């Protein structure tokens, strides 16, 4: 698989995943609440997005070792997600407020210093980003591998 094919597969997986996530989030927020709806839609989006992209790019994936090709796509996808999440956390003042509110509800104390808040907010952001990257690696790999198995190679 050429590097251009990997980039195209990553872009396809990301776009399909984000579209599925958005649609699922709209339908799941009311019954599940925002926290569980985000988690459920993210998990389903990466599985289904990987499955569809794996099916679409199955012939390219089958050109070389399936595990190597799917691994390349998944690692690059995880790097893209890592960058997107870090930019979201850095540029979104609502994310910092949401994190601070959650930390205040968990650790009810009035004597935190600015350094305490800084460290705990960064730690919470690191856990959030790390968890999303690991889920992207696992669910993306499973979805891409299963999707590439659905399409049989062309007989020549």
Protein backbone atom coordinates (compact mmCIF):
# COMPACT_ATOMS: atom_id res chain seq x y z
CA UNK A 1 0.00 0.00 0.00
CA UNK A 2 1.41 3.37 -1.00
CA UNK A 3 1.54 6.25 1.45
CA UNK A 4 -1.05 8.16 -0.60
CA UNK A 5 -3.44 5.22 -0.23
CA UNK A 6 -2.89 5.22 3.53
CA UNK A 7 -3.65 8.95 3.74
CA UNK A 8 -6.79 8.50 1.65
CA UNK A 9 -7.91 5.58 3.84
CA UNK A 10 -7.31 7.63 7.01
CA UNK A 11 -9.25 10.59 5.62
CA UNK A 12 -12.10 8.31 4.56
CA UNK A 13 -12.21 6.60 7.95
CA UNK A 14 -12.16 9.92 9.79
CA UNK A 15 -14.90 11.50 7.67
CA UNK A 16 -17.14 8.42 7.89
CA UNK A 17 -16.50 8.16 11.64
CA UNK A 18 -17.28 11.82 12.28
CA UNK A 19 -20.46 11.69 10.20
CA UNK A 20 -21.68 8.56 11.99
CA UNK A 21 -20.74 10.04 15.37
CA UNK A 22 -22.64 13.25 14.66
CA UNK A 23 -25.78 11.45 13.56
CA UNK A 24 -25.67 9.01 16.48
CA UNK A 25 -25.02 11.83 18.94
CA UNK A 26 -28.12 13.67 17.77
CA UNK A 27 -30.27 10.60 18.41
CA UNK A 28 -28.62 9.39 21.62
CA UNK A 29 -28.33 12.62 23.66
CA UNK A 30 -31.96 12.60 24.81
CA UNK A 31 -32.22 8.95 25.91
CA UNK A 32 -28.69 8.56 27.32
CA UNK A 33 -27.58 12.04 28.35
CA UNK A 34 -24.58 13.85 26.89
CA UNK A 35 -21.80 11.85 28.60
CA UNK A 36 -23.01 8.38 27.64
CA UNK A 37 -24.18 9.54 24.22
CA UNK A 38 -20.69 10.84 23.40
CA UNK A 39 -19.09 7.59 24.52
CA UNK A 40 -21.56 5.33 22.70
CA UNK A 41 -21.50 7.36 19.50
CA UNK A 42 -17.69 7.48 19.51
CA UNK A 43 -17.32 3.73 19.98
CA UNK A 44 -19.89 2.88 17.32
CA UNK A 45 -18.54 5.51 14.94
CA UNK A 46 -14.98 4.16 14.98
CA UNK A 47 -16.15 0.57 14.62
CA UNK A 48 -18.57 1.27 11.77
CA UNK A 49 -16.28 3.87 10.16
CA UNK A 50 -13.40 1.39 10.21
CA UNK A 51 -15.64 -1.36 8.90
CA UNK A 52 -16.82 0.75 5.95
CA UNK A 53 -13.35 2.11 5.16
CA UNK A 54 -11.90 -1.39 5.43
CA UNK A 55 -14.46 -2.62 2.93
CA UNK A 56 -13.83 0.32 0.58
CA UNK A 57 -10.03 -0.09 0.68
CA UNK A 58 -10.00 -3.90 0.94
CA UNK A 59 -8.36 -4.42 -2.44
CA UNK A 60 -5.55 -1.99 -1.58
CA UNK A 61 -5.17 -3.55 1.87
CA UNK A 62 -4.91 -7.01 0.32
CA UNK A 63 -2.00 -5.94 -1.89
CA UNK A 64 0.36 -6.49 1.03
CA UNK A 65 0.13 -8.07 4.47
CA UNK A 66 -3.32 -7.25 5.83
CA UNK A 67 -2.05 -6.61 9.36
CA UNK A 68 0.70 -4.27 8.15
CA UNK A 69 -1.65 -2.27 5.93
CA UNK A 70 -4.36 -2.00 8.59
CA UNK A 71 -1.71 -1.13 11.18
CA UNK A 72 -0.35 1.72 9.05
CA UNK A 73 -3.84 3.15 8.55
CA UNK A 74 -4.74 2.79 12.22
CA UNK A 75 -1.54 4.39 13.54
CA UNK A 76 -1.87 7.37 11.22
CA UNK A 77 -5.56 7.68 12.15
CA UNK A 78 -4.61 7.68 15.86
CA UNK A 79 -2.05 10.44 15.21
CA UNK A 80 -4.69 12.51 13.42
CA UNK A 81 -7.10 12.00 16.33
CA UNK A 82 -4.34 12.90 18.81
CA UNK A 83 -3.67 16.16 16.98
CA UNK A 84 -7.38 16.98 16.68
CA UNK A 85 -8.02 16.35 20.38
CA UNK A 86 -5.02 18.40 21.47
CA UNK A 87 -6.11 21.30 19.28
CA UNK A 88 -9.65 21.00 20.63
CA UNK A 89 -8.45 21.05 24.23
CA UNK A 90 -6.05 23.95 23.60
CA UNK A 91 -8.45 26.15 21.69
CA UNK A 92 -11.73 25.46 23.45
CA UNK A 93 -12.30 27.44 26.64
CA UNK A 94 -15.47 25.43 27.30
CA UNK A 95 -13.43 22.24 27.56
CA UNK A 96 -11.29 23.77 30.32
CA UNK A 97 -14.41 24.96 32.15
CA UNK A 98 -16.02 21.52 31.79
CA UNK A 99 -12.88 19.84 33.11
CA UNK A 100 -12.64 22.26 36.04
CA UNK A 101 -16.31 21.74 36.92
CA UNK A 102 -15.87 17.96 36.92
CA UNK A 103 -12.76 18.21 39.07
CA UNK A 104 -14.54 20.49 41.53
CA UNK A 105 -17.39 18.00 41.85
CA UNK A 106 -14.94 15.13 42.43
CA UNK A 107 -12.56 16.92 44.79
CA UNK A 108 -14.70 19.16 46.96
CA UNK A 109 -12.15 21.47 48.52
CA UNK A 110 -11.76 25.22 48.58
CA UNK A 111 -8.01 25.39 49.10
CA UNK A 112 -6.62 24.51 45.67
CA UNK A 113 -3.89 26.70 44.28
CA UNK A 114 -3.55 27.75 40.66
CA UNK A 115 -0.79 25.16 40.30
CA UNK A 116 -3.13 22.43 41.58
CA UNK A 117 -5.77 23.36 39.00
CA UNK A 118 -3.17 23.53 36.24
CA UNK A 119 -1.74 20.10 37.07
CA UNK A 120 -5.11 18.40 37.49
CA UNK A 121 -6.59 19.94 34.34
CA UNK A 122 -3.56 18.82 32.33
CA UNK A 123 -3.75 15.37 33.87
CA UNK A 124 -7.47 15.09 33.03
CA UNK A 125 -6.77 16.25 29.47
CA UNK A 126 -3.95 13.72 29.13
CA UNK A 127 -6.19 10.89 30.32
CA UNK A 128 -8.97 11.98 27.96
CA UNK A 129 -6.65 12.19 24.96
CA UNK A 130 -4.86 8.93 25.80
CA UNK A 131 -8.12 7.04 26.21
CA UNK A 132 -9.42 8.32 22.88
CA UNK A 133 -6.19 7.43 21.09
CA UNK A 134 -6.19 3.90 22.55
CA UNK A 135 -9.84 3.43 21.61
CA UNK A 136 -9.10 4.69 18.11
CA UNK A 137 -6.22 2.24 17.78
CA UNK A 138 -8.22 -0.74 19.00
CA UNK A 139 -11.60 -0.02 17.43
CA UNK A 140 -10.10 1.34 14.21
CA UNK A 141 -7.91 -1.74 13.81
CA UNK A 142 -10.79 -4.14 14.48
CA UNK A 143 -13.14 -2.26 12.13
CA UNK A 144 -10.60 -1.92 9.32
CA UNK A 145 -9.49 -5.54 9.59
CA UNK A 146 -13.05 -6.90 9.68
CA UNK A 147 -14.12 -4.61 6.84
CA UNK A 148 -11.22 -5.71 4.66
CA UNK A 149 -12.17 -9.34 5.30
CA UNK A 150 -15.69 -8.77 3.96
CA UNK A 151 -14.51 -8.09 0.43
CA UNK A 152 -13.02 -11.00 -1.45
CA UNK A 153 -9.96 -10.41 -3.67
CA UNK A 154 -10.46 -10.20 -7.41
CA UNK A 155 -9.66 -13.39 -9.26
CA UNK A 156 -7.30 -12.86 -12.16
